[in-house]
Amino acid sequence: KSRTTMKLLHWERRGYVMYYKHLEQGRFHPRISKRR
């Protein structure tokens, strides 16, 4: 909700991969969080 964290979920071979990104400064663009 604060647009400072982003997680990506992806299936790769025999299991899930989760990537996590936390911004120390700034926010992700609002357009990213409003996608349907």
Full PDB file with SEQRES, HELIX, SHEET, SSBOND, CRYST1, ORIGX, SCALE, CONECT and MASTER records, all heavy atoms in Angstrom:
SEQRES   1 A   36  LYS SER ARG THR THR MET LYS LEU LEU HIS TRP GLU ARG          
SEQRES   2 A   36  ARG GLY TYR VAL MET TYR TYR LYS HIS LEU GLU GLN GLY          
SEQRES   3 A   36  ARG PHE HIS PRO ARG ILE SER LYS ARG ARG                      
HELIX    1 AA1 PRO A   30  SER A   33  1                                   4    
SHEET    1 AA1 2 THR A   5  GLU A  12  0                                        
SHEET    2 AA1 2 GLY A  15  HIS A  22 -1                                        
CRYST1    1.000    1.000    1.000  90.00  90.00  90.00 P 1           1          
ORIGX1      1.000000  0.000000  0.000000        0.00000                         
ORIGX2      0.000000  1.000000  0.000000        0.00000                         
ORIGX3      0.000000  0.000000  1.000000        0.00000                         
SCALE1      1.000000  0.000000  0.000000        0.00000                         
SCALE2      0.000000  1.000000  0.000000        0.00000                         
SCALE3      0.000000  0.000000  1.000000        0.00000                         
ATOM      1  N   LYS A   1       0.815  -1.219   0.000  1.00  0.00           N  
ATOM      2  CA  LYS A   1       0.000   0.000   0.000  1.00  0.00           C  
ATOM      3  C   LYS A   1       0.847   1.267   0.000  1.00  0.00           C  
ATOM      4  O   LYS A   1       0.493   2.261  -0.611  1.00  0.00           O  
ATOM      5  CB  LYS A   1      -0.925   0.013   1.213  1.00  0.00           C  
ATOM      6  CG  LYS A   1      -2.055  -0.970   1.125  1.00  0.00           C  
ATOM      7  CD  LYS A   1      -2.941  -0.884   2.353  1.00  0.00           C  
ATOM      8  CE  LYS A   1      -4.017  -1.949   2.295  1.00  0.00           C  
ATOM      9  NZ  LYS A   1      -4.877  -1.889   3.486  1.00  0.00           N  
ATOM     10  N   SER A   2       1.960   1.243   0.688  1.00  0.00           N  
ATOM     11  CA  SER A   2       2.826   2.428   0.755  1.00  0.00           C  
ATOM     12  C   SER A   2       3.665   2.599  -0.510  1.00  0.00           C  
ATOM     13  O   SER A   2       4.338   3.607  -0.666  1.00  0.00           O  
ATOM     14  CB  SER A   2       3.753   2.327   1.961  1.00  0.00           C  
ATOM     15  OG  SER A   2       4.653   1.242   1.784  1.00  0.00           O  
ATOM     16  N   ARG A   3       3.633   1.598  -1.396  1.00  0.00           N  
ATOM     17  CA  ARG A   3       4.405   1.583  -2.650  1.00  0.00           C  
ATOM     18  C   ARG A   3       5.914   1.644  -2.415  1.00  0.00           C  
ATOM     19  O   ARG A   3       6.660   2.071  -3.269  1.00  0.00           O  
ATOM     20  CB  ARG A   3       3.948   2.699  -3.596  1.00  0.00           C  
ATOM     21  CG  ARG A   3       2.517   2.560  -4.058  1.00  0.00           C  
ATOM     22  CD  ARG A   3       2.119   3.512  -5.178  1.00  0.00           C  
ATOM     23  NE  ARG A   3       2.943   4.665  -5.386  1.00  0.00           N  
ATOM     24  CZ  ARG A   3       2.649   5.902  -4.995  1.00  0.00           C  
ATOM     25  NH1 ARG A   3       1.535   6.150  -4.365  1.00  0.00           N  
ATOM     26  NH2 ARG A   3       3.467   6.900  -5.263  1.00  0.00           N  
ATOM     27  N   THR A   4       6.370   1.187  -1.256  1.00  0.00           N  
ATOM     28  CA  THR A   4       7.811   1.123  -1.011  1.00  0.00           C  
ATOM     29  C   THR A   4       8.331  -0.312  -1.095  1.00  0.00           C  
ATOM     30  O   THR A   4       9.530  -0.530  -1.057  1.00  0.00           O  
ATOM     31  CB  THR A   4       8.172   1.702   0.373  1.00  0.00           C  
ATOM     32  OG1 THR A   4       7.489   0.958   1.382  1.00  0.00           O  
ATOM     33  CG2 THR A   4       7.828   3.172   0.450  1.00  0.00           C  
ATOM     34  N   THR A   5       7.416  -1.279  -1.182  1.00  0.00           N  
ATOM     35  CA  THR A   5       7.829  -2.677  -1.318  1.00  0.00           C  
ATOM     36  C   THR A   5       7.147  -3.319  -2.520  1.00  0.00           C  
ATOM     37  O   THR A   5       6.016  -2.980  -2.857  1.00  0.00           O  
ATOM     38  CB  THR A   5       7.481  -3.503  -0.063  1.00  0.00           C  
ATOM     39  OG1 THR A   5       6.082  -3.447   0.161  1.00  0.00           O  
ATOM     40  CG2 THR A   5       8.230  -3.014   1.152  1.00  0.00           C  
ATOM     41  N   MET A   6       7.875  -4.215  -3.141  1.00  0.00           N  
ATOM     42  CA  MET A   6       7.348  -4.952  -4.280  1.00  0.00           C  
ATOM     43  C   MET A   6       7.816  -6.400  -4.163  1.00  0.00           C  
ATOM     44  O   MET A   6       8.973  -6.661  -3.827  1.00  0.00           O  
ATOM     45  CB  MET A   6       7.851  -4.369  -5.599  1.00  0.00           C  
ATOM     46  CG  MET A   6       7.359  -5.116  -6.823  1.00  0.00           C  
ATOM     47  SD  MET A   6       8.099  -4.548  -8.364  1.00  0.00           S  
ATOM     48  CE  MET A   6       7.351  -2.942  -8.503  1.00  0.00           C  
ATOM     49  N   LYS A   7       6.892  -7.342  -4.425  1.00  0.00           N  
ATOM     50  CA  LYS A   7       7.231  -8.756  -4.456  1.00  0.00           C  
ATOM     51  C   LYS A   7       6.829  -9.312  -5.810  1.00  0.00           C  
ATOM     52  O   LYS A   7       5.780  -8.969  -6.343  1.00  0.00           O  
ATOM     53  CB  LYS A   7       6.491  -9.520  -3.361  1.00  0.00           C  
ATOM     54  CG  LYS A   7       6.904  -9.126  -1.968  1.00  0.00           C  
ATOM     55  CD  LYS A   7       6.111  -9.905  -0.948  1.00  0.00           C  
ATOM     56  CE  LYS A   7       6.462  -9.466   0.447  1.00  0.00           C  
ATOM     57  NZ  LYS A   7       5.656 -10.182   1.457  1.00  0.00           N  
ATOM     58  N   LEU A   8       7.668 -10.168  -6.344  1.00  0.00           N  
ATOM     59  CA  LEU A   8       7.382 -10.854  -7.598  1.00  0.00           C  
ATOM     60  C   LEU A   8       7.306 -12.343  -7.307  1.00  0.00           C  
ATOM     61  O   LEU A   8       8.151 -12.892  -6.602  1.00  0.00           O  
ATOM     62  CB  LEU A   8       8.485 -10.606  -8.629  1.00  0.00           C  
ATOM     63  CG  LEU A   8       8.824  -9.160  -8.953  1.00  0.00           C  
ATOM     64  CD1 LEU A   8       9.971  -9.110  -9.950  1.00  0.00           C  
ATOM     65  CD2 LEU A   8       7.627  -8.421  -9.483  1.00  0.00           C  
ATOM     66  N   LEU A   9       6.295 -12.998  -7.849  1.00  0.00           N  
ATOM     67  CA  LEU A   9       6.131 -14.434  -7.684  1.00  0.00           C  
ATOM     68  C   LEU A   9       6.252 -15.095  -9.049  1.00  0.00           C  
ATOM     69  O   LEU A   9       5.625 -14.656 -10.014  1.00  0.00           O  
ATOM     70  CB  LEU A   9       4.751 -14.745  -7.081  1.00  0.00           C  
ATOM     71  CG  LEU A   9       4.416 -16.221  -6.900  1.00  0.00           C  
ATOM     72  CD1 LEU A   9       5.294 -16.834  -5.803  1.00  0.00           C  
ATOM     73  CD2 LEU A   9       2.943 -16.395  -6.569  1.00  0.00           C  
ATOM     74  N   HIS A  10       7.055 -16.149  -9.101  1.00  0.00           N  
ATOM     75  CA  HIS A  10       7.313 -16.826 -10.379  1.00  0.00           C  
ATOM     76  C   HIS A  10       7.566 -18.303 -10.114  1.00  0.00           C  
ATOM     77  O   HIS A  10       8.258 -18.668  -9.170  1.00  0.00           O  
ATOM     78  CB  HIS A  10       8.539 -16.181 -11.036  1.00  0.00           C  
ATOM     79  CG  HIS A  10       8.971 -16.833 -12.301  1.00  0.00           C  
ATOM     80  ND1 HIS A  10       8.208 -16.837 -13.444  1.00  0.00           N  
ATOM     81  CD2 HIS A  10      10.098 -17.500 -12.603  1.00  0.00           C  
ATOM     82  CE1 HIS A  10       8.862 -17.484 -14.399  1.00  0.00           C  
ATOM     83  NE2 HIS A  10      10.001 -17.905 -13.904  1.00  0.00           N  
ATOM     84  N   TRP A  11       6.995 -19.155 -10.972  1.00  0.00           N  
ATOM     85  CA  TRP A  11       7.254 -20.598 -10.901  1.00  0.00           C  
ATOM     86  C   TRP A  11       8.456 -20.903 -11.767  1.00  0.00           C  
ATOM     87  O   TRP A  11       8.518 -20.517 -12.927  1.00  0.00           O  
ATOM     88  CB  TRP A  11       6.053 -21.389 -11.399  1.00  0.00           C  
ATOM     89  CG  TRP A  11       6.313 -22.867 -11.460  1.00  0.00           C  
ATOM     90  CD1 TRP A  11       6.676 -23.586 -12.556  1.00  0.00           C  
ATOM     91  CD2 TRP A  11       6.238 -23.781 -10.380  1.00  0.00           C  
ATOM     92  NE1 TRP A  11       6.828 -24.908 -12.229  1.00  0.00           N  
ATOM     93  CE2 TRP A  11       6.576 -25.051 -10.882  1.00  0.00           C  
ATOM     94  CE3 TRP A  11       5.945 -23.663  -9.027  1.00  0.00           C  
ATOM     95  CZ2 TRP A  11       6.594 -26.189 -10.078  1.00  0.00           C  
ATOM     96  CZ3 TRP A  11       5.968 -24.796  -8.237  1.00  0.00           C  
ATOM     97  CH2 TRP A  11       6.287 -26.042  -8.765  1.00  0.00           C  
ATOM     98  N   GLU A  12       9.422 -21.606 -11.203  1.00  0.00           N  
ATOM     99  CA  GLU A  12      10.648 -21.924 -11.933  1.00  0.00           C  
ATOM    100  C   GLU A  12      11.026 -23.375 -11.661  1.00  0.00           C  
ATOM    101  O   GLU A  12      11.313 -23.739 -10.525  1.00  0.00           O  
ATOM    102  CB  GLU A  12      11.756 -20.995 -11.457  1.00  0.00           C  
ATOM    103  CG  GLU A  12      12.939 -20.930 -12.373  1.00  0.00           C  
ATOM    104  CD  GLU A  12      13.893 -19.848 -11.925  1.00  0.00           C  
ATOM    105  OE1 GLU A  12      13.672 -18.685 -12.291  1.00  0.00           O  
ATOM    106  OE2 GLU A  12      14.849 -20.179 -11.186  1.00  0.00           O  
ATOM    107  N   ARG A  13      10.994 -24.175 -12.676  1.00  0.00           N  
ATOM    108  CA  ARG A  13      11.303 -25.609 -12.600  1.00  0.00           C  
ATOM    109  C   ARG A  13      10.431 -26.321 -11.598  1.00  0.00           C  
ATOM    110  O   ARG A  13       9.287 -26.587 -11.854  1.00  0.00           O  
ATOM    111  CB  ARG A  13      12.774 -25.837 -12.358  1.00  0.00           C  
ATOM    112  CG  ARG A  13      13.605 -25.341 -13.508  1.00  0.00           C  
ATOM    113  CD  ARG A  13      15.033 -25.702 -13.360  1.00  0.00           C  
ATOM    114  NE  ARG A  13      15.777 -25.013 -14.417  1.00  0.00           N  
ATOM    115  CZ  ARG A  13      17.053 -24.950 -14.472  1.00  0.00           C  
ATOM    116  NH1 ARG A  13      17.783 -25.531 -13.548  1.00  0.00           N  
ATOM    117  NH2 ARG A  13      17.644 -24.317 -15.448  1.00  0.00           N  
ATOM    118  N   ARG A  14      10.923 -26.608 -10.403  1.00  0.00           N  
ATOM    119  CA  ARG A  14      10.146 -27.403  -9.448  1.00  0.00           C  
ATOM    120  C   ARG A  14       9.728 -26.612  -8.208  1.00  0.00           C  
ATOM    121  O   ARG A  14       9.437 -27.202  -7.167  1.00  0.00           O  
ATOM    122  CB  ARG A  14      10.948 -28.618  -9.028  1.00  0.00           C  
ATOM    123  CG  ARG A  14      11.129 -29.594 -10.175  1.00  0.00           C  
ATOM    124  CD  ARG A  14      11.847 -30.814  -9.699  1.00  0.00           C  
ATOM    125  NE  ARG A  14      13.203 -30.503  -9.280  1.00  0.00           N  
ATOM    126  CZ  ARG A  14      14.289 -31.002  -9.824  1.00  0.00           C  
ATOM    127  NH1 ARG A  14      14.188 -31.859 -10.798  1.00  0.00           N  
ATOM    128  NH2 ARG A  14      15.470 -30.658  -9.385  1.00  0.00           N  
ATOM    129  N   GLY A  15       9.687 -25.301  -8.296  1.00  0.00           N  
ATOM    130  CA  GLY A  15       9.285 -24.532  -7.122  1.00  0.00           C  
ATOM    131  C   GLY A  15       9.093 -23.063  -7.426  1.00  0.00           C  
ATOM    132  O   GLY A  15       9.431 -22.578  -8.506  1.00  0.00           O  
ATOM    133  N   TYR A  16       8.548 -22.348  -6.459  1.00  0.00           N  
ATOM    134  CA  TYR A  16       8.297 -20.919  -6.609  1.00  0.00           C  
ATOM    135  C   TYR A  16       9.534 -20.112  -6.239  1.00  0.00           C  
ATOM    136  O   TYR A  16      10.308 -20.501  -5.359  1.00  0.00           O  
ATOM    137  CB  TYR A  16       7.145 -20.475  -5.706  1.00  0.00           C  
ATOM    138  CG  TYR A  16       5.815 -20.988  -6.170  1.00  0.00           C  
ATOM    139  CD1 TYR A  16       5.212 -22.072  -5.562  1.00  0.00           C  
ATOM    140  CD2 TYR A  16       5.160 -20.391  -7.238  1.00  0.00           C  
ATOM    141  CE1 TYR A  16       3.996 -22.552  -5.997  1.00  0.00           C  
ATOM    142  CE2 TYR A  16       3.944 -20.863  -7.691  1.00  0.00           C  
ATOM    143  CZ  TYR A  16       3.372 -21.936  -7.060  1.00  0.00           C  
ATOM    144  OH  TYR A  16       2.169 -22.408  -7.504  1.00  0.00           O  
ATOM    145  N   VAL A  17       9.682 -18.995  -6.920  1.00  0.00           N  
ATOM    146  CA  VAL A  17      10.721 -18.022  -6.603  1.00  0.00           C  
ATOM    147  C   VAL A  17      10.005 -16.736  -6.235  1.00  0.00           C  
ATOM    148  O   VAL A  17       9.086 -16.309  -6.945  1.00  0.00           O  
ATOM    149  CB  VAL A  17      11.661 -17.774  -7.809  1.00  0.00           C  
ATOM    150  CG1 VAL A  17      12.697 -16.731  -7.470  1.00  0.00           C  
ATOM    151  CG2 VAL A  17      12.310 -19.062  -8.251  1.00  0.00           C  
ATOM    152  N   MET A  18      10.400 -16.123  -5.120  1.00  0.00           N  
ATOM    153  CA  MET A  18       9.830 -14.853  -4.719  1.00  0.00           C  
ATOM    154  C   MET A  18      10.961 -13.833  -4.624  1.00  0.00           C  
ATOM    155  O   MET A  18      11.961 -14.065  -3.942  1.00  0.00           O  
ATOM    156  CB  MET A  18       9.137 -14.950  -3.358  1.00  0.00           C  
ATOM    157  CG  MET A  18       8.511 -13.640  -2.928  1.00  0.00           C  
ATOM    158  SD  MET A  18       7.605 -13.744  -1.377  1.00  0.00           S  
ATOM    159  CE  MET A  18       8.934 -13.841  -0.204  1.00  0.00           C  
ATOM    160  N   TYR A  19      10.805 -12.745  -5.339  1.00  0.00           N  
ATOM    161  CA  TYR A  19      11.762 -11.647  -5.279  1.00  0.00           C  
ATOM    162  C   TYR A  19      11.134 -10.536  -4.452  1.00  0.00           C  
ATOM    163  O   TYR A  19       9.935 -10.261  -4.581  1.00  0.00           O  
ATOM    164  CB  TYR A  19      12.076 -11.117  -6.681  1.00  0.00           C  
ATOM    165  CG  TYR A  19      12.691 -12.143  -7.589  1.00  0.00           C  
ATOM    166  CD1 TYR A  19      11.899 -12.890  -8.449  1.00  0.00           C  
ATOM    167  CD2 TYR A  19      14.061 -12.371  -7.588  1.00  0.00           C  
ATOM    168  CE1 TYR A  19      12.460 -13.843  -9.285  1.00  0.00           C  
ATOM    169  CE2 TYR A  19      14.627 -13.316  -8.421  1.00  0.00           C  
ATOM    170  CZ  TYR A  19      13.812 -14.054  -9.259  1.00  0.00           C  
ATOM    171  OH  TYR A  19      14.366 -14.992 -10.086  1.00  0.00           O  
ATOM    172  N   TYR A  20      11.936  -9.904  -3.616  1.00  0.00           N  
ATOM    173  CA  TYR A  20      11.439  -8.851  -2.739  1.00  0.00           C  
ATOM    174  C   TYR A  20      12.321  -7.616  -2.896  1.00  0.00           C  
ATOM    175  O   TYR A  20      13.544  -7.722  -2.854  1.00  0.00           O  
ATOM    176  CB  TYR A  20      11.490  -9.341  -1.287  1.00  0.00           C  
ATOM    177  CG  TYR A  20      11.048  -8.333  -0.267  1.00  0.00           C  
ATOM    178  CD1 TYR A  20       9.704  -8.191   0.027  1.00  0.00           C  
ATOM    179  CD2 TYR A  20      11.960  -7.541   0.410  1.00  0.00           C  
ATOM    180  CE1 TYR A  20       9.274  -7.274   0.976  1.00  0.00           C  
ATOM    181  CE2 TYR A  20      11.551  -6.622   1.349  1.00  0.00           C  
ATOM    182  CZ  TYR A  20      10.199  -6.493   1.640  1.00  0.00           C  
ATOM    183  OH  TYR A  20       9.795  -5.589   2.573  1.00  0.00           O  
ATOM    184  N   LYS A  21      11.690  -6.482  -3.093  1.00  0.00           N  
ATOM    185  CA  LYS A  21      12.426  -5.226  -3.236  1.00  0.00           C  
ATOM    186  C   LYS A  21      11.822  -4.201  -2.285  1.00  0.00           C  
ATOM    187  O   LYS A  21      10.604  -3.987  -2.287  1.00  0.00           O  
ATOM    188  CB  LYS A  21      12.330  -4.718  -4.681  1.00  0.00           C  
ATOM    189  CG  LYS A  21      12.941  -3.364  -4.942  1.00  0.00           C  
ATOM    190  CD  LYS A  21      14.445  -3.429  -4.946  1.00  0.00           C  
ATOM    191  CE  LYS A  21      15.023  -2.094  -5.368  1.00  0.00           C  
ATOM    192  NZ  LYS A  21      16.440  -2.156  -5.574  1.00  0.00           N  
ATOM    193  N   HIS A  22      12.662  -3.584  -1.460  1.00  0.00           N  
ATOM    194  CA  HIS A  22      12.224  -2.520  -0.557  1.00  0.00           C  
ATOM    195  C   HIS A  22      13.017  -1.261  -0.880  1.00  0.00           C  
ATOM    196  O   HIS A  22      14.249  -1.289  -0.889  1.00  0.00           O  
ATOM    197  CB  HIS A  22      12.460  -2.909   0.903  1.00  0.00           C  
ATOM    198  CG  HIS A  22      12.173  -1.800   1.858  1.00  0.00           C  
ATOM    199  ND1 HIS A  22      10.887  -1.451   2.207  1.00  0.00           N  
ATOM    200  CD2 HIS A  22      12.987  -0.955   2.500  1.00  0.00           C  
ATOM    201  CE1 HIS A  22      10.940  -0.426   3.040  1.00  0.00           C  
ATOM    202  NE2 HIS A  22      12.210  -0.116   3.234  1.00  0.00           N  
ATOM    203  N   LEU A  23      12.316  -0.190  -1.168  1.00  0.00           N  
ATOM    204  CA  LEU A  23      12.978   1.075  -1.477  1.00  0.00           C  
ATOM    205  C   LEU A  23      13.314   1.811  -0.189  1.00  0.00           C  
ATOM    206  O   LEU A  23      12.443   2.012   0.660  1.00  0.00           O  
ATOM    207  CB  LEU A  23      12.079   1.955  -2.351  1.00  0.00           C  
ATOM    208  CG  LEU A  23      11.711   1.406  -3.729  1.00  0.00           C  
ATOM    209  CD1 LEU A  23      10.777   2.385  -4.433  1.00  0.00           C  
ATOM    210  CD2 LEU A  23      12.958   1.154  -4.558  1.00  0.00           C  
ATOM    211  N   GLU A  24      14.553   2.202  -0.040  1.00  0.00           N  
ATOM    212  CA  GLU A  24      14.962   2.999   1.120  1.00  0.00           C  
ATOM    213  C   GLU A  24      14.457   4.427   0.988  1.00  0.00           C  
ATOM    214  O   GLU A  24      14.155   5.080   1.970  1.00  0.00           O  
ATOM    215  CB  GLU A  24      16.490   2.997   1.253  1.00  0.00           C  
ATOM    216  CG  GLU A  24      17.052   1.641   1.602  1.00  0.00           C  
ATOM    217  CD  GLU A  24      16.679   1.188   3.002  1.00  0.00           C  
ATOM    218  OE1 GLU A  24      16.571   2.045   3.900  1.00  0.00           O  
ATOM    219  OE2 GLU A  24      16.462  -0.025   3.175  1.00  0.00           O  
ATOM    220  N   GLN A  25      14.391   4.927  -0.244  1.00  0.00           N  
ATOM    221  CA  GLN A  25      13.887   6.271  -0.517  1.00  0.00           C  
ATOM    222  C   GLN A  25      12.939   6.201  -1.704  1.00  0.00           C  
ATOM    223  O   GLN A  25      13.125   5.391  -2.602  1.00  0.00           O  
ATOM    224  CB  GLN A  25      15.030   7.225  -0.866  1.00  0.00           C  
ATOM    225  CG  GLN A  25      15.995   7.450   0.266  1.00  0.00           C  
ATOM    226  CD  GLN A  25      17.107   8.407  -0.151  1.00  0.00           C  
ATOM    227  OE1 GLN A  25      17.169   8.865  -1.282  1.00  0.00           O  
ATOM    228  NE2 GLN A  25      17.987   8.687   0.778  1.00  0.00           N  
ATOM    229  N   GLY A  26      11.948   7.077  -1.707  1.00  0.00           N  
ATOM    230  CA  GLY A  26      11.019   7.136  -2.832  1.00  0.00           C  
ATOM    231  C   GLY A  26       9.993   6.025  -2.797  1.00  0.00           C  
ATOM    232  O   GLY A  26       9.906   5.251  -1.844  1.00  0.00           O  
ATOM    233  N   ARG A  27       9.216   5.981  -3.860  1.00  0.00           N  
ATOM    234  CA  ARG A  27       8.130   4.999  -3.983  1.00  0.00           C  
ATOM    235  C   ARG A  27       8.074   4.495  -5.423  1.00  0.00           C  
ATOM    236  O   ARG A  27       8.520   5.179  -6.332  1.00  0.00           O  
ATOM    237  CB  ARG A  27       6.786   5.650  -3.648  1.00  0.00           C  
ATOM    238  CG  ARG A  27       6.677   6.166  -2.251  1.00  0.00           C  
ATOM    239  CD  ARG A  27       5.339   6.877  -2.057  1.00  0.00           C  
ATOM    240  NE  ARG A  27       5.298   7.563  -0.791  1.00  0.00           N  
ATOM    241  CZ  ARG A  27       4.882   7.013   0.342  1.00  0.00           C  
ATOM    242  NH1 ARG A  27       4.475   5.767   0.352  1.00  0.00           N  
ATOM    243  NH2 ARG A  27       4.871   7.702   1.456  1.00  0.00           N  
ATOM    244  N   PHE A  28       7.492   3.327  -5.574  1.00  0.00           N  
ATOM    245  CA  PHE A  28       7.241   2.834  -6.921  1.00  0.00           C  
ATOM    246  C   PHE A  28       6.170   3.709  -7.559  1.00  0.00           C  
ATOM    247  O   PHE A  28       5.295   4.246  -6.870  1.00  0.00           O  
ATOM    248  CB  PHE A  28       6.779   1.376  -6.898  1.00  0.00           C  
ATOM    249  CG  PHE A  28       7.871   0.418  -6.481  1.00  0.00           C  
ATOM    250  CD1 PHE A  28       7.850  -0.183  -5.239  1.00  0.00           C  
ATOM    251  CD2 PHE A  28       8.917   0.134  -7.335  1.00  0.00           C  
ATOM    252  CE1 PHE A  28       8.847  -1.059  -4.846  1.00  0.00           C  
ATOM    253  CE2 PHE A  28       9.925  -0.736  -6.964  1.00  0.00           C  
ATOM    254  CZ  PHE A  28       9.887  -1.321  -5.715  1.00  0.00           C  
ATOM    255  N   HIS A  29       6.211   3.835  -8.848  1.00  0.00           N  
ATOM    256  CA  HIS A  29       5.257   4.672  -9.577  1.00  0.00           C  
ATOM    257  C   HIS A  29       3.831   4.189  -9.298  1.00  0.00           C  
ATOM    258  O   HIS A  29       3.583   2.981  -9.290  1.00  0.00           O  
ATOM    259  CB  HIS A  29       5.555   4.603 -11.078  1.00  0.00           C  
ATOM    260  CG  HIS A  29       4.868   5.646 -11.874  1.00  0.00           C  
ATOM    261  ND1 HIS A  29       3.542   5.541 -12.230  1.00  0.00           N  
ATOM    262  CD2 HIS A  29       5.309   6.829 -12.357  1.00  0.00           C  
ATOM    263  CE1 HIS A  29       3.198   6.615 -12.920  1.00  0.00           C  
ATOM    264  NE2 HIS A  29       4.249   7.414 -13.012  1.00  0.00           N  
ATOM    265  N   PRO A  30       2.878   5.106  -9.086  1.00  0.00           N  
ATOM    266  CA  PRO A  30       1.501   4.694  -8.786  1.00  0.00           C  
ATOM    267  C   PRO A  30       0.871   3.814  -9.859  1.00  0.00           C  
ATOM    268  O   PRO A  30       0.022   2.986  -9.563  1.00  0.00           O  
ATOM    269  CB  PRO A  30       0.726   6.009  -8.690  1.00  0.00           C  
ATOM    270  CG  PRO A  30       1.724   7.082  -8.614  1.00  0.00           C  
ATOM    271  CD  PRO A  30       3.034   6.540  -9.100  1.00  0.00           C  
ATOM    272  N   ARG A  31       1.289   3.969 -11.078  1.00  0.00           N  
ATOM    273  CA  ARG A  31       0.716   3.184 -12.170  1.00  0.00           C  
ATOM    274  C   ARG A  31       0.933   1.680 -11.957  1.00  0.00           C  
ATOM    275  O   ARG A  31       0.102   0.860 -12.333  1.00  0.00           O  
ATOM    276  CB  ARG A  31       1.332   3.633 -13.484  1.00  0.00           C  
ATOM    277  CG  ARG A  31       0.647   3.099 -14.673  1.00  0.00           C  
ATOM    278  CD  ARG A  31       1.188   3.766 -15.900  1.00  0.00           C  
ATOM    279  NE  ARG A  31       0.489   3.298 -17.067  1.00  0.00           N  
ATOM    280  CZ  ARG A  31       0.834   3.595 -18.277  1.00  0.00           C  
ATOM    281  NH1 ARG A  31       1.874   4.374 -18.491  1.00  0.00           N  
ATOM    282  NH2 ARG A  31       0.156   3.128 -19.284  1.00  0.00           N  
ATOM    283  N   ILE A  32       2.038   1.314 -11.338  1.00  0.00           N  
ATOM    284  CA  ILE A  32       2.318  -0.099 -11.078  1.00  0.00           C  
ATOM    285  C   ILE A  32       1.271  -0.686 -10.146  1.00  0.00           C  
ATOM    286  O   ILE A  32       0.762  -1.771 -10.370  1.00  0.00           O  
ATOM    287  CB  ILE A  32       3.726  -0.282 -10.473  1.00  0.00           C  
ATOM    288  CG1 ILE A  32       4.780   0.032 -11.514  1.00  0.00           C  
ATOM    289  CG2 ILE A  32       3.909  -1.690  -9.926  1.00  0.00           C  
ATOM    290  CD1 ILE A  32       6.187   0.035 -10.978  1.00  0.00           C  
ATOM    291  N   SER A  33       0.914   0.025  -9.091  1.00  0.00           N  
ATOM    292  CA  SER A  33       0.000  -0.525  -8.094  1.00  0.00           C  
ATOM    293  C   SER A  33      -1.457  -0.438  -8.517  1.00  0.00           C  
ATOM    294  O   SER A  33      -2.318  -1.007  -7.864  1.00  0.00           O  
ATOM    295  CB  SER A  33       0.192   0.189  -6.756  1.00  0.00           C  
ATOM    296  OG  SER A  33      -0.087   1.557  -6.880  1.00  0.00           O  
ATOM    297  N   LYS A  34      -1.769   0.238  -9.595  1.00  0.00           N  
ATOM    298  CA  LYS A  34      -3.156   0.381 -10.022  1.00  0.00           C  
ATOM    299  C   LYS A  34      -3.521  -0.546 -11.177  1.00  0.00           C  
ATOM    300  O   LYS A  34      -4.630  -0.518 -11.661  1.00  0.00           O  
ATOM    301  CB  LYS A  34      -3.442   1.826 -10.404  1.00  0.00           C  
ATOM    302  CG  LYS A  34      -3.332   2.765  -9.232  1.00  0.00           C  
ATOM    303  CD  LYS A  34      -3.975   4.068  -9.533  1.00  0.00           C  
ATOM    304  CE  LYS A  34      -3.726   5.047  -8.427  1.00  0.00           C  
ATOM    305  NZ  LYS A  34      -4.599   4.911  -7.300  1.00  0.00           N  
ATOM    306  N   ARG A  35      -2.597  -1.361 -11.610  1.00  0.00           N  
ATOM    307  CA  ARG A  35      -2.903  -2.293 -12.696  1.00  0.00           C  
ATOM    308  C   ARG A  35      -3.924  -3.306 -12.241  1.00  0.00           C  
ATOM    309  O   ARG A  35      -3.959  -3.703 -11.090  1.00  0.00           O  
ATOM    310  CB  ARG A  35      -1.643  -3.018 -13.139  1.00  0.00           C  
ATOM    311  CG  ARG A  35      -0.657  -2.085 -13.751  1.00  0.00           C  
ATOM    312  CD  ARG A  35      -0.138  -2.697 -14.966  1.00  0.00           C  
ATOM    313  NE  ARG A  35       0.683  -1.708 -15.622  1.00  0.00           N  
ATOM    314  CZ  ARG A  35       1.107  -1.832 -16.821  1.00  0.00           C  
ATOM    315  NH1 ARG A  35       0.797  -2.886 -17.499  1.00  0.00           N  
ATOM    316  NH2 ARG A  35       1.831  -0.904 -17.374  1.00  0.00           N  
ATOM    317  N   ARG A  36      -4.717  -3.767 -13.157  1.00  0.00           N  
ATOM    318  CA  ARG A  36      -5.741  -4.771 -12.872  1.00  0.00           C  
ATOM    319  C   ARG A  36      -5.268  -6.127 -13.376  1.00  0.00           C  
ATOM    320  O   ARG A  36      -4.475  -6.223 -14.302  1.00  0.00           O  
ATOM    321  CB  ARG A  36      -7.053  -4.414 -13.569  1.00  0.00           C  
ATOM    322  CG  ARG A  36      -7.607  -3.098 -13.139  1.00  0.00           C  
ATOM    323  CD  ARG A  36      -8.212  -3.213 -11.767  1.00  0.00           C  
ATOM    324  NE  ARG A  36      -8.786  -1.959 -11.383  1.00  0.00           N  
ATOM    325  CZ  ARG A  36      -8.657  -1.443 -10.186  1.00  0.00           C  
ATOM    326  NH1 ARG A  36      -7.963  -2.043  -9.285  1.00  0.00           N  
ATOM    327  NH2 ARG A  36      -9.227  -0.303  -9.878  1.00  0.00           N  
TER     328      ARG A  36                                                      
MASTER        0    0    0    1    2    0    0    6  327    1    0    3          
END                                                                             
